[in-house]
Amino acid sequence: MFKDLSMRIFLGHLVAYVVVTALCAAVNLWLSPGTLWFPWVLIGWGVAVAVHAFALLLRKTRRRERIFIDRKARAFAVHLFAYVAVVLMLLFVNLTVTPKVWWFYWVALGWGAGVLAQGACVLLRKRKAPASAARQAEVKQVESKSEAAPQARAAEAKAESLMRVSASRSAYWREGRDRAGVPPALRRRPGAPLCRSARAERAGFAWSQ
């Protein structure tokens, strides 16, 4: 869990929220206990933390619905969640601070128009048709071949080098054995012709060996 960057960012956000709101509560209760203002910080920042958590939940949930796999649909869901949460918070503020003057619906109407426009763009657009199974299999086969080709060439070059080394070693030891097992009288310089008797004696010596 802590290896994921997005999860670490959210945990940092949550820890900062808890620490700062606790400090605000301590300052509020120490300096002005008769006027409580830290709950507004708690509510406002809490909405931001809730939106962050909702976005992370949609991103990390391994489901195949469109809201989880489509990036634009997921962004619209997060926007809608933030809109509802903020409007409800403003309604609470309106009811507690200025109950005689209703003003929160102006924010709801203006922001709601933007949410509706985004929803129309996301939900009414046509999705691209998925590729056929044959096409997907062909693409996978080509990718597997392209990945396996360098490995096959490396293995072939390694086998060829091993064969060359083995052949050179066998020739070296064969030449050394022949020179060590042949009597000095039957040895010859490389390239010099052998007479018939010398060839016969060498053949008989090799047969006896």
N, C-alpha and C. Protein backbone atom coordinates (compact mmCIF):
# COMPACT_ATOMS: atom_id res chain seq x y z
N MET A 1 0.83 -1.21 0.00
CA MET A 1 0.00 0.00 0.00
C MET A 1 0.86 1.26 0.00
N PHE A 2 1.95 1.27 0.80
CA PHE A 2 2.77 2.45 0.90
C PHE A 2 3.71 2.62 -0.29
N LYS A 3 3.79 1.61 -1.17
CA LYS A 3 4.62 1.74 -2.36
C LYS A 3 3.93 2.53 -3.46
N ASP A 4 2.62 2.69 -3.36
CA ASP A 4 1.85 3.40 -4.37
C ASP A 4 1.94 4.90 -4.09
N LEU A 5 2.31 5.67 -5.10
CA LEU A 5 2.49 7.11 -4.93
C LEU A 5 1.17 7.79 -4.60
N SER A 6 0.08 7.44 -5.30
CA SER A 6 -1.20 8.07 -5.04
C SER A 6 -1.70 7.79 -3.63
N MET A 7 -1.46 6.57 -3.14
CA MET A 7 -1.86 6.25 -1.77
C MET A 7 -1.04 7.03 -0.75
N ARG A 8 0.25 7.18 -1.02
CA ARG A 8 1.09 7.97 -0.11
C ARG A 8 0.66 9.43 -0.08
N ILE A 9 0.28 9.97 -1.23
CA ILE A 9 -0.19 11.36 -1.27
C ILE A 9 -1.48 11.51 -0.46
N PHE A 10 -2.40 10.55 -0.60
CA PHE A 10 -3.64 10.64 0.16
C PHE A 10 -3.39 10.52 1.67
N LEU A 11 -2.51 9.62 2.07
CA LEU A 11 -2.20 9.48 3.49
C LEU A 11 -1.55 10.75 4.03
N GLY A 12 -0.69 11.37 3.24
CA GLY A 12 -0.11 12.65 3.66
C GLY A 12 -1.16 13.73 3.80
N HIS A 13 -2.11 13.75 2.87
CA HIS A 13 -3.22 14.71 2.94
C HIS A 13 -4.04 14.47 4.21
N LEU A 14 -4.34 13.23 4.50
CA LEU A 14 -5.15 12.90 5.68
C LEU A 14 -4.43 13.26 6.97
N VAL A 15 -3.14 12.96 7.05
CA VAL A 15 -2.37 13.30 8.25
C VAL A 15 -2.30 14.81 8.44
N ALA A 16 -2.08 15.55 7.35
CA ALA A 16 -2.05 17.01 7.45
C ALA A 16 -3.40 17.56 7.91
N TYR A 17 -4.49 16.98 7.41
CA TYR A 17 -5.84 17.42 7.82
C TYR A 17 -6.05 17.21 9.32
N VAL A 18 -5.68 16.04 9.82
CA VAL A 18 -5.88 15.75 11.24
C VAL A 18 -5.02 16.66 12.11
N VAL A 19 -3.76 16.84 11.73
CA VAL A 19 -2.85 17.65 12.55
C VAL A 19 -3.27 19.12 12.56
N VAL A 20 -3.59 19.67 11.39
CA VAL A 20 -3.93 21.10 11.32
C VAL A 20 -5.25 21.38 12.02
N THR A 21 -6.26 20.52 11.82
CA THR A 21 -7.54 20.76 12.51
C THR A 21 -7.39 20.62 14.02
N ALA A 22 -6.54 19.70 14.46
CA ALA A 22 -6.29 19.58 15.90
C ALA A 22 -5.62 20.84 16.45
N LEU A 23 -4.65 21.39 15.72
CA LEU A 23 -4.01 22.63 16.14
C LEU A 23 -5.00 23.79 16.15
N CYS A 24 -5.85 23.86 15.12
CA CYS A 24 -6.86 24.92 15.09
C CYS A 24 -7.83 24.81 16.26
N ALA A 25 -8.22 23.59 16.58
CA ALA A 25 -9.11 23.39 17.73
C ALA A 25 -8.44 23.81 19.03
N ALA A 26 -7.15 23.48 19.18
CA ALA A 26 -6.44 23.86 20.39
C ALA A 26 -6.31 25.37 20.50
N VAL A 27 -5.98 26.04 19.40
CA VAL A 27 -5.85 27.50 19.42
C VAL A 27 -7.20 28.15 19.70
N ASN A 28 -8.25 27.62 19.07
CA ASN A 28 -9.58 28.19 19.27
C ASN A 28 -10.04 28.04 20.73
N LEU A 29 -9.86 26.87 21.30
CA LEU A 29 -10.31 26.65 22.67
C LEU A 29 -9.43 27.37 23.70
N TRP A 30 -8.20 27.67 23.32
CA TRP A 30 -7.32 28.36 24.25
C TRP A 30 -7.51 29.87 24.21
N LEU A 31 -7.60 30.45 23.00
CA LEU A 31 -7.68 31.91 22.88
C LEU A 31 -9.10 32.45 22.95
N SER A 32 -10.02 31.77 22.26
CA SER A 32 -11.41 32.28 22.24
C SER A 32 -12.38 31.13 22.41
N PRO A 33 -12.50 30.62 23.61
CA PRO A 33 -13.40 29.47 23.81
C PRO A 33 -14.88 29.82 23.63
N GLY A 34 -15.22 31.10 23.74
CA GLY A 34 -16.62 31.46 23.58
C GLY A 34 -17.08 31.49 22.14
N THR A 35 -16.15 31.61 21.20
CA THR A 35 -16.49 31.65 19.77
C THR A 35 -15.79 30.49 19.07
N LEU A 36 -16.55 29.52 18.69
CA LEU A 36 -15.97 28.35 18.03
C LEU A 36 -15.92 28.56 16.52
N TRP A 37 -14.73 28.56 15.99
CA TRP A 37 -14.57 28.72 14.54
C TRP A 37 -13.86 27.52 13.89
N PHE A 38 -13.21 26.69 14.70
CA PHE A 38 -12.48 25.57 14.10
C PHE A 38 -13.40 24.55 13.42
N PRO A 39 -14.71 24.41 13.80
CA PRO A 39 -15.55 23.47 13.05
C PRO A 39 -15.69 23.81 11.58
N TRP A 40 -15.55 25.10 11.21
CA TRP A 40 -15.64 25.46 9.80
C TRP A 40 -14.42 24.93 9.03
N VAL A 41 -13.27 25.01 9.67
CA VAL A 41 -12.07 24.43 9.06
C VAL A 41 -12.23 22.93 8.94
N LEU A 42 -12.77 22.33 9.99
CA LEU A 42 -12.97 20.89 10.00
C LEU A 42 -13.91 20.44 8.88
N ILE A 43 -15.01 21.18 8.68
CA ILE A 43 -16.01 20.80 7.67
C ILE A 43 -15.48 21.07 6.26
N GLY A 44 -14.91 22.27 6.06
CA GLY A 44 -14.45 22.63 4.71
C GLY A 44 -13.34 21.73 4.20
N TRP A 45 -12.32 21.54 5.03
CA TRP A 45 -11.21 20.68 4.62
C TRP A 45 -11.65 19.22 4.58
N GLY A 46 -12.60 18.85 5.43
CA GLY A 46 -13.10 17.47 5.41
C GLY A 46 -13.77 17.12 4.09
N VAL A 47 -14.45 18.09 3.48
CA VAL A 47 -15.05 17.87 2.17
C VAL A 47 -13.96 17.58 1.13
N ALA A 48 -12.86 18.34 1.19
CA ALA A 48 -11.76 18.10 0.25
C ALA A 48 -11.14 16.72 0.45
N VAL A 49 -10.98 16.30 1.69
CA VAL A 49 -10.43 14.97 1.96
C VAL A 49 -11.38 13.89 1.46
N ALA A 50 -12.69 14.10 1.65
CA ALA A 50 -13.67 13.11 1.17
C ALA A 50 -13.64 13.00 -0.35
N VAL A 51 -13.51 14.11 -1.05
CA VAL A 51 -13.43 14.08 -2.51
C VAL A 51 -12.15 13.35 -2.96
N HIS A 52 -11.05 13.61 -2.29
CA HIS A 52 -9.79 12.93 -2.60
C HIS A 52 -9.93 11.42 -2.39
N ALA A 53 -10.57 11.04 -1.29
CA ALA A 53 -10.75 9.61 -1.01
C ALA A 53 -11.66 8.95 -2.05
N PHE A 54 -12.70 9.66 -2.47
CA PHE A 54 -13.62 9.10 -3.48
C PHE A 54 -12.91 8.90 -4.82
N ALA A 55 -12.10 9.87 -5.21
CA ALA A 55 -11.35 9.74 -6.47
C ALA A 55 -10.37 8.58 -6.40
N LEU A 56 -9.70 8.40 -5.27
CA LEU A 56 -8.76 7.29 -5.11
C LEU A 56 -9.49 5.95 -5.12
N LEU A 57 -10.68 5.91 -4.53
CA LEU A 57 -11.47 4.68 -4.52
C LEU A 57 -11.88 4.28 -5.93
N LEU A 58 -12.31 5.23 -6.73
CA LEU A 58 -12.69 4.91 -8.11
C LEU A 58 -11.49 4.45 -8.93
N ARG A 59 -10.35 4.99 -8.64
CA ARG A 59 -9.16 4.65 -9.42
C ARG A 59 -8.61 3.27 -9.05
N LYS A 60 -8.71 2.90 -7.78
CA LYS A 60 -8.09 1.66 -7.31
C LYS A 60 -9.04 0.47 -7.32
N THR A 61 -10.33 0.69 -7.50
CA THR A 61 -11.27 -0.42 -7.52
C THR A 61 -11.14 -1.19 -8.83
N ARG A 62 -10.93 -2.50 -8.74
CA ARG A 62 -10.72 -3.32 -9.94
C ARG A 62 -12.06 -3.89 -10.42
N ARG A 63 -12.85 -3.02 -10.99
CA ARG A 63 -14.12 -3.43 -11.57
C ARG A 63 -14.15 -2.97 -13.01
N ARG A 64 -15.08 -3.55 -13.79
CA ARG A 64 -15.10 -3.32 -15.23
C ARG A 64 -16.20 -2.38 -15.68
N GLU A 65 -16.92 -1.74 -14.74
CA GLU A 65 -17.92 -0.77 -15.16
C GLU A 65 -17.26 0.46 -15.76
N ARG A 66 -18.05 1.20 -16.51
CA ARG A 66 -17.49 2.34 -17.23
C ARG A 66 -16.95 3.40 -16.28
N ILE A 67 -17.61 3.59 -15.16
CA ILE A 67 -17.20 4.64 -14.23
C ILE A 67 -15.83 4.36 -13.64
N PHE A 68 -15.39 3.10 -13.69
CA PHE A 68 -14.09 2.73 -13.11
C PHE A 68 -12.98 2.68 -14.17
N ILE A 69 -13.32 2.39 -15.41
CA ILE A 69 -12.28 2.21 -16.42
C ILE A 69 -12.17 3.40 -17.37
N ASP A 70 -13.24 4.18 -17.50
CA ASP A 70 -13.21 5.35 -18.39
C ASP A 70 -12.73 6.56 -17.58
N ARG A 71 -11.67 7.17 -18.06
CA ARG A 71 -11.09 8.28 -17.30
C ARG A 71 -12.02 9.49 -17.25
N LYS A 72 -12.70 9.80 -18.33
CA LYS A 72 -13.60 10.95 -18.36
C LYS A 72 -14.84 10.71 -17.50
N ALA A 73 -15.36 9.49 -17.54
CA ALA A 73 -16.51 9.17 -16.69
C ALA A 73 -16.12 9.23 -15.21
N ARG A 74 -14.92 8.77 -14.90
CA ARG A 74 -14.45 8.84 -13.52
C ARG A 74 -14.28 10.29 -13.06
N ALA A 75 -13.78 11.14 -13.94
CA ALA A 75 -13.63 12.56 -13.60
C ALA A 75 -14.99 13.22 -13.37
N PHE A 76 -15.98 12.85 -14.19
CA PHE A 76 -17.32 13.39 -14.00
C PHE A 76 -17.92 12.94 -12.67
N ALA A 77 -17.70 11.69 -12.29
CA ALA A 77 -18.22 11.19 -11.00
C ALA A 77 -17.58 11.94 -9.84
N VAL A 78 -16.29 12.20 -9.91
CA VAL A 78 -15.62 12.96 -8.85
C VAL A 78 -16.14 14.38 -8.80
N HIS A 79 -16.35 15.00 -9.96
CA HIS A 79 -16.89 16.36 -10.02
C HIS A 79 -18.29 16.41 -9.42
N LEU A 80 -19.12 15.45 -9.74
CA LEU A 80 -20.48 15.40 -9.20
C LEU A 80 -20.46 15.22 -7.68
N PHE A 81 -19.58 14.36 -7.20
CA PHE A 81 -19.47 14.15 -5.75
C PHE A 81 -19.04 15.43 -5.05
N ALA A 82 -18.05 16.13 -5.62
CA ALA A 82 -17.60 17.39 -5.02
C ALA A 82 -18.71 18.43 -5.04
N TYR A 83 -19.48 18.47 -6.13
CA TYR A 83 -20.58 19.43 -6.24
C TYR A 83 -21.62 19.19 -5.14
N VAL A 84 -22.04 17.94 -4.98
CA VAL A 84 -23.06 17.63 -3.97
C VAL A 84 -22.53 17.94 -2.57
N ALA A 85 -21.28 17.55 -2.29
CA ALA A 85 -20.73 17.77 -0.95
C ALA A 85 -20.62 19.26 -0.63
N VAL A 86 -20.15 20.05 -1.58
CA VAL A 86 -19.98 21.48 -1.32
C VAL A 86 -21.32 22.18 -1.20
N VAL A 87 -22.28 21.81 -2.02
CA VAL A 87 -23.60 22.44 -1.94
C VAL A 87 -24.26 22.12 -0.60
N LEU A 88 -24.13 20.89 -0.13
CA LEU A 88 -24.69 20.55 1.18
C LEU A 88 -23.97 21.31 2.30
N MET A 89 -22.68 21.50 2.18
CA MET A 89 -21.96 22.28 3.18
C MET A 89 -22.43 23.73 3.18
N LEU A 90 -22.60 24.30 1.99
CA LEU A 90 -23.07 25.68 1.91
C LEU A 90 -24.51 25.82 2.43
N LEU A 91 -25.32 24.82 2.21
CA LEU A 91 -26.67 24.83 2.77
C LEU A 91 -26.62 24.85 4.30
N PHE A 92 -25.73 24.06 4.87
CA PHE A 92 -25.58 24.07 6.33
C PHE A 92 -25.11 25.43 6.83
N VAL A 93 -24.15 26.01 6.12
CA VAL A 93 -23.66 27.34 6.52
C VAL A 93 -24.78 28.37 6.41
N ASN A 94 -25.54 28.30 5.34
CA ASN A 94 -26.64 29.24 5.14
C ASN A 94 -27.69 29.12 6.26
N LEU A 95 -28.00 27.91 6.65
CA LEU A 95 -29.01 27.70 7.69
C LEU A 95 -28.51 28.12 9.07
N THR A 96 -27.23 27.97 9.33
CA THR A 96 -26.71 28.28 10.66
C THR A 96 -26.26 29.74 10.82
N VAL A 97 -25.78 30.36 9.76
CA VAL A 97 -25.24 31.71 9.86
C VAL A 97 -26.28 32.75 9.46
N THR A 98 -26.86 32.60 8.29
CA THR A 98 -27.85 33.58 7.79
C THR A 98 -29.13 32.84 7.40
N PRO A 99 -29.92 32.42 8.38
CA PRO A 99 -31.13 31.66 8.03
C PRO A 99 -32.20 32.49 7.34
N LYS A 100 -32.14 33.80 7.46
CA LYS A 100 -33.18 34.64 6.85
C LYS A 100 -32.86 35.02 5.41
N VAL A 101 -31.63 34.83 4.99
CA VAL A 101 -31.21 35.19 3.63
C VAL A 101 -30.71 33.92 2.95
N TRP A 102 -31.43 33.50 1.91
CA TRP A 102 -31.04 32.30 1.18
C TRP A 102 -30.13 32.67 0.00
N TRP A 103 -28.97 32.18 0.03
CA TRP A 103 -28.01 32.50 -1.04
C TRP A 103 -27.31 31.25 -1.60
N PHE A 104 -27.39 30.09 -0.96
CA PHE A 104 -26.63 28.92 -1.39
C PHE A 104 -27.07 28.41 -2.76
N TYR A 105 -28.37 28.67 -3.12
CA TYR A 105 -28.86 28.11 -4.38
C TYR A 105 -28.24 28.79 -5.60
N TRP A 106 -27.70 30.02 -5.43
CA TRP A 106 -27.02 30.64 -6.54
C TRP A 106 -25.75 29.85 -6.90
N VAL A 107 -25.05 29.43 -5.89
CA VAL A 107 -23.88 28.58 -6.12
C VAL A 107 -24.31 27.25 -6.73
N ALA A 108 -25.40 26.69 -6.22
CA ALA A 108 -25.87 25.40 -6.73
C ALA A 108 -26.29 25.51 -8.20
N LEU A 109 -26.95 26.60 -8.57
CA LEU A 109 -27.39 26.76 -9.96
C LEU A 109 -26.22 26.99 -10.90
N GLY A 110 -25.31 27.88 -10.52
CA GLY A 110 -24.16 28.17 -11.40
C GLY A 110 -23.25 26.98 -11.58
N TRP A 111 -22.90 26.35 -10.48
CA TRP A 111 -22.02 25.19 -10.56
C TRP A 111 -22.75 24.00 -11.19
N GLY A 112 -24.06 23.89 -10.93
CA GLY A 112 -24.82 22.79 -11.52
C GLY A 112 -24.85 22.84 -13.03
N ALA A 113 -24.85 24.06 -13.61
CA ALA A 113 -24.82 24.17 -15.07
C ALA A 113 -23.53 23.56 -15.63
N GLY A 114 -22.42 23.83 -14.96
CA GLY A 114 -21.16 23.23 -15.40
C GLY A 114 -21.14 21.72 -15.26
N VAL A 115 -21.73 21.22 -14.18
CA VAL A 115 -21.79 19.77 -13.98
C VAL A 115 -22.66 19.12 -15.05
N LEU A 116 -23.79 19.74 -15.38
CA LEU A 116 -24.66 19.20 -16.44
C LEU A 116 -23.96 19.20 -17.79
N ALA A 117 -23.22 20.25 -18.08
CA ALA A 117 -22.51 20.30 -19.36
C ALA A 117 -21.45 19.19 -19.45
N GLN A 118 -20.72 18.99 -18.38
CA GLN A 118 -19.72 17.92 -18.39
C GLN A 118 -20.39 16.55 -18.49
N GLY A 119 -21.52 16.37 -17.77
CA GLY A 119 -22.22 15.10 -17.85
C GLY A 119 -22.74 14.80 -19.24
N ALA A 120 -23.22 15.85 -19.93
CA ALA A 120 -23.71 15.65 -21.29
C ALA A 120 -22.56 15.27 -22.23
N CYS A 121 -21.42 15.90 -22.06
CA CYS A 121 -20.27 15.57 -22.92
C CYS A 121 -19.75 14.16 -22.67
N VAL A 122 -19.82 13.70 -21.42
CA VAL A 122 -19.26 12.39 -21.09
C VAL A 122 -20.24 11.27 -21.41
N LEU A 123 -21.50 11.44 -21.02
CA LEU A 123 -22.47 10.35 -21.11
C LEU A 123 -23.11 10.22 -22.48
N LEU A 124 -23.16 11.30 -23.26
CA LEU A 124 -23.81 11.23 -24.56
C LEU A 124 -22.86 10.97 -25.71
N ARG A 125 -21.58 11.00 -25.47
CA ARG A 125 -20.64 10.72 -26.56
C ARG A 125 -20.59 9.22 -26.83
N LYS A 126 -20.26 8.87 -28.06
CA LYS A 126 -20.19 7.47 -28.45
C LYS A 126 -18.83 6.90 -28.08
N ARG A 127 -18.87 5.73 -27.49
CA ARG A 127 -17.64 5.05 -27.15
C ARG A 127 -17.09 4.32 -28.36
N LYS A 128 -15.78 4.18 -28.42
CA LYS A 128 -15.15 3.47 -29.51
C LYS A 128 -15.45 1.97 -29.39
N ALA A 129 -15.77 1.39 -30.54
CA ALA A 129 -16.07 -0.04 -30.54
C ALA A 129 -14.81 -0.83 -30.26
N PRO A 130 -14.88 -1.83 -29.39
CA PRO A 130 -13.68 -2.63 -29.09
C PRO A 130 -13.24 -3.46 -30.29
N ALA A 131 -11.98 -3.71 -30.37
CA ALA A 131 -11.44 -4.49 -31.49
C ALA A 131 -11.92 -5.93 -31.40
N SER A 132 -11.98 -6.58 -32.56
CA SER A 132 -12.43 -7.96 -32.60
C SER A 132 -11.41 -8.87 -31.92
N ALA A 133 -11.87 -10.09 -31.58
CA ALA A 133 -10.99 -11.04 -30.91
C ALA A 133 -9.84 -11.47 -31.82
N ALA A 134 -10.13 -11.62 -33.12
CA ALA A 134 -9.08 -12.02 -34.05
C ALA A 134 -8.00 -10.94 -34.16
N ARG A 135 -8.46 -9.69 -34.21
CA ARG A 135 -7.50 -8.60 -34.30
C ARG A 135 -6.64 -8.52 -33.04
N GLN A 136 -7.25 -8.69 -31.89
CA GLN A 136 -6.49 -8.67 -30.65
C GLN A 136 -5.48 -9.82 -30.59
N ALA A 137 -5.90 -11.02 -31.05
CA ALA A 137 -4.98 -12.15 -31.07
C ALA A 137 -3.81 -11.89 -32.02
N GLU A 138 -4.11 -11.28 -33.17
CA GLU A 138 -3.04 -10.97 -34.13
C GLU A 138 -2.05 -9.98 -33.55
N VAL A 139 -2.57 -8.95 -32.88
CA VAL A 139 -1.68 -7.96 -32.27
C VAL A 139 -0.82 -8.59 -31.19
N LYS A 140 -1.42 -9.46 -30.36
CA LYS A 140 -0.64 -10.14 -29.32
C LYS A 140 0.43 -11.04 -29.92
N GLN A 141 0.10 -11.72 -31.03
CA GLN A 141 1.08 -12.60 -31.67
C GLN A 141 2.25 -11.80 -32.22
N VAL A 142 1.96 -10.67 -32.84
CA VAL A 142 3.03 -9.83 -33.39
C VAL A 142 3.91 -9.29 -32.25
N GLU A 143 3.27 -8.88 -31.16
CA GLU A 143 4.05 -8.37 -30.03
C GLU A 143 4.93 -9.46 -29.42
N SER A 144 4.38 -10.67 -29.31
CA SER A 144 5.18 -11.76 -28.74
C SER A 144 6.36 -12.11 -29.65
N LYS A 145 6.13 -12.09 -30.99
CA LYS A 145 7.23 -12.35 -31.91
C LYS A 145 8.30 -11.28 -31.83
N SER A 146 7.88 -10.04 -31.75
CA SER A 146 8.85 -8.94 -31.67
C SER A 146 9.65 -9.01 -30.38
N GLU A 147 9.02 -9.48 -29.31
CA GLU A 147 9.74 -9.60 -28.05
C GLU A 147 10.67 -10.81 -28.05
N ALA A 148 10.26 -11.90 -28.74
CA ALA A 148 11.06 -13.13 -28.72
C ALA A 148 12.21 -13.10 -29.73
N ALA A 149 12.14 -12.25 -30.76
CA ALA A 149 13.18 -12.22 -31.80
C ALA A 149 14.56 -11.88 -31.24
N PRO A 150 14.74 -10.82 -30.44
CA PRO A 150 16.10 -10.56 -29.91
C PRO A 150 16.63 -11.69 -29.06
N GLN A 151 15.77 -12.32 -28.27
CA GLN A 151 16.22 -13.43 -27.44
C GLN A 151 16.67 -14.61 -28.29
N ALA A 152 15.92 -14.91 -29.37
CA ALA A 152 16.30 -16.01 -30.25
C ALA A 152 17.64 -15.73 -30.94
N ARG A 153 17.83 -14.49 -31.39
CA ARG A 153 19.11 -14.14 -32.03
C ARG A 153 20.27 -14.25 -31.06
N ALA A 154 20.04 -13.81 -29.82
CA ALA A 154 21.11 -13.91 -28.82
C ALA A 154 21.45 -15.37 -28.51
N ALA A 155 20.40 -16.22 -28.40
CA ALA A 155 20.65 -17.64 -28.14
C ALA A 155 21.38 -18.30 -29.30
N GLU A 156 21.01 -17.94 -30.55
CA GLU A 156 21.68 -18.50 -31.72
C GLU A 156 23.14 -18.08 -31.78
N ALA A 157 23.41 -16.82 -31.49
CA ALA A 157 24.80 -16.36 -31.51
C ALA A 157 25.63 -17.04 -30.41
N LYS A 158 25.01 -17.24 -29.24
CA LYS A 158 25.73 -17.90 -28.16
C LYS A 158 26.05 -19.36 -28.52
N ALA A 159 25.04 -20.06 -29.12
CA ALA A 159 25.28 -21.45 -29.52
C ALA A 159 26.37 -21.55 -30.58
N GLU A 160 26.38 -20.60 -31.53
CA GLU A 160 27.39 -20.61 -32.58
C GLU A 160 28.78 -20.37 -32.00
N SER A 161 28.87 -19.45 -31.05
CA SER A 161 30.18 -19.20 -30.43
C SER A 161 30.66 -20.41 -29.64
N LEU A 162 29.73 -21.08 -28.95
CA LEU A 162 30.12 -22.28 -28.22
C LEU A 162 30.59 -23.38 -29.16
N MET A 163 29.92 -23.53 -30.31
CA MET A 163 30.34 -24.53 -31.28
C MET A 163 31.73 -24.22 -31.83
N ARG A 164 32.00 -22.95 -32.09
CA ARG A 164 33.32 -22.58 -32.59
C ARG A 164 34.40 -22.88 -31.55
N VAL A 165 34.12 -22.54 -30.29
CA VAL A 165 35.10 -22.80 -29.24
C VAL A 165 35.35 -24.29 -29.08
N SER A 166 34.25 -25.08 -29.13
CA SER A 166 34.39 -26.53 -29.00
C SER A 166 35.20 -27.12 -30.16
N ALA A 167 34.92 -26.65 -31.39
CA ALA A 167 35.66 -27.16 -32.55
C ALA A 167 37.14 -26.79 -32.47
N SER A 168 37.42 -25.55 -32.06
CA SER A 168 38.83 -25.15 -31.96
C SER A 168 39.55 -25.94 -30.88
N ARG A 169 38.90 -26.21 -29.77
CA ARG A 169 39.53 -26.99 -28.70
C ARG A 169 39.78 -28.43 -29.14
N SER A 170 38.79 -29.04 -29.80
CA SER A 170 38.98 -30.42 -30.25
C SER A 170 40.09 -30.52 -31.29
N ALA A 171 40.19 -29.54 -32.21
CA ALA A 171 41.27 -29.55 -33.19
C ALA A 171 42.62 -29.37 -32.52
N TYR A 172 42.64 -28.49 -31.51
CA TYR A 172 43.92 -28.28 -30.81
C TYR A 172 44.39 -29.54 -30.10
N TRP A 173 43.48 -30.19 -29.37
CA TRP A 173 43.87 -31.40 -28.65
C TRP A 173 44.18 -32.56 -29.61
N ARG A 174 43.48 -32.63 -30.73
CA ARG A 174 43.75 -33.68 -31.71
C ARG A 174 45.15 -33.50 -32.30
N GLU A 175 45.47 -32.26 -32.62
CA GLU A 175 46.79 -31.98 -33.18
C GLU A 175 47.90 -32.27 -32.18
N GLY A 176 47.67 -31.88 -30.92
CA GLY A 176 48.68 -32.15 -29.90
C GLY A 176 48.84 -33.63 -29.64
N ARG A 177 47.73 -34.38 -29.65
CA ARG A 177 47.81 -35.83 -29.43
C ARG A 177 48.54 -36.51 -30.58
N ASP A 178 48.24 -36.09 -31.81
CA ASP A 178 48.91 -36.70 -32.95
C ASP A 178 50.41 -36.44 -32.93
N ARG A 179 50.78 -35.22 -32.60
CA ARG A 179 52.20 -34.89 -32.58
C ARG A 179 52.92 -35.60 -31.44
N ALA A 180 52.19 -35.79 -30.31
CA ALA A 180 52.85 -36.45 -29.17
C ALA A 180 52.96 -37.96 -29.38
N GLY A 181 51.97 -38.59 -30.11
CA GLY A 181 51.97 -40.04 -30.28
C GLY A 181 52.77 -40.53 -31.45
N VAL A 182 53.17 -39.69 -32.38
CA VAL A 182 53.90 -40.11 -33.58
C VAL A 182 55.39 -40.06 -33.29
N PRO A 183 56.15 -41.09 -33.66
CA PRO A 183 57.61 -41.06 -33.44
C PRO A 183 58.26 -39.95 -34.23
N PRO A 184 59.43 -39.47 -33.77
CA PRO A 184 60.09 -38.35 -34.46
C PRO A 184 60.41 -38.66 -35.91
N ALA A 185 60.69 -39.94 -36.24
CA ALA A 185 61.04 -40.28 -37.62
C ALA A 185 59.87 -40.10 -38.56
N LEU A 186 58.65 -40.21 -38.00
CA LEU A 186 57.46 -40.13 -38.86
C LEU A 186 56.83 -38.74 -38.87
N ARG A 187 57.38 -37.85 -38.07
CA ARG A 187 56.82 -36.49 -38.07
C ARG A 187 57.24 -35.74 -39.33
N ARG A 188 56.45 -34.83 -39.73
CA ARG A 188 56.76 -34.02 -40.91
C ARG A 188 56.32 -32.59 -40.66
N ARG A 189 56.85 -31.74 -41.45
CA ARG A 189 56.45 -30.35 -41.35
C ARG A 189 55.07 -30.18 -41.96
N PRO A 190 54.30 -29.22 -41.46
CA PRO A 190 52.98 -28.99 -42.06
C PRO A 190 53.09 -28.63 -43.51
N GLY A 191 52.39 -29.32 -44.39
CA GLY A 191 52.39 -29.05 -45.81
C GLY A 191 53.34 -29.92 -46.61
N ALA A 192 54.26 -30.62 -45.93
CA ALA A 192 55.22 -31.47 -46.66
C ALA A 192 54.56 -32.78 -47.02
N PRO A 193 54.78 -33.33 -48.25
CA PRO A 193 54.15 -34.59 -48.65
C PRO A 193 54.78 -35.78 -47.95
N LEU A 194 54.01 -36.82 -47.77
CA LEU A 194 54.46 -38.06 -47.16
C LEU A 194 54.71 -39.12 -48.25
N CYS A 195 55.77 -39.90 -48.06
CA CYS A 195 55.98 -41.02 -48.97
C CYS A 195 55.05 -42.16 -48.59
N ARG A 196 55.01 -43.19 -49.45
CA ARG A 196 54.07 -44.29 -49.24
C ARG A 196 54.42 -45.09 -48.00
N SER A 197 55.73 -45.34 -47.78
CA SER A 197 56.12 -46.14 -46.62
C SER A 197 55.85 -45.39 -45.32
N ALA A 198 56.13 -44.10 -45.35
CA ALA A 198 55.87 -43.30 -44.14
C ALA A 198 54.39 -43.27 -43.82
N ARG A 199 53.54 -43.14 -44.87
CA ARG A 199 52.10 -43.15 -44.63
C ARG A 199 51.66 -44.49 -44.09
N ALA A 200 52.23 -45.57 -44.63
CA ALA A 200 51.85 -46.90 -44.14
C ALA A 200 52.29 -47.09 -42.70
N GLU A 201 53.53 -46.66 -42.37
CA GLU A 201 53.99 -46.82 -41.00
C GLU A 201 53.16 -45.96 -40.03
N ARG A 202 52.83 -44.76 -40.47
CA ARG A 202 51.99 -43.91 -39.60
C ARG A 202 50.63 -44.54 -39.41
N ALA A 203 50.05 -45.07 -40.50
CA ALA A 203 48.74 -45.71 -40.37
C ALA A 203 48.83 -46.90 -39.44
N GLY A 204 49.89 -47.74 -39.56
CA GLY A 204 50.04 -48.88 -38.67
C GLY A 204 50.26 -48.46 -37.24
N PHE A 205 50.99 -47.39 -37.01
CA PHE A 205 51.22 -46.89 -35.65
C PHE A 205 49.93 -46.39 -35.05
N ALA A 206 49.14 -45.66 -35.86
CA ALA A 206 47.87 -45.15 -35.35
C ALA A 206 46.93 -46.29 -35.04
N TRP A 207 46.96 -47.37 -35.87
CA TRP A 207 46.08 -48.51 -35.62
C TRP A 207 46.48 -49.23 -34.34
N SER A 208 47.80 -49.33 -34.10
CA SER A 208 48.26 -49.99 -32.88
C SER A 208 47.91 -49.19 -31.65
N GLN A 209 47.88 -47.85 -31.79
CA GLN A 209 47.49 -47.02 -30.66
C GLN A 209 46.02 -47.19 -30.34
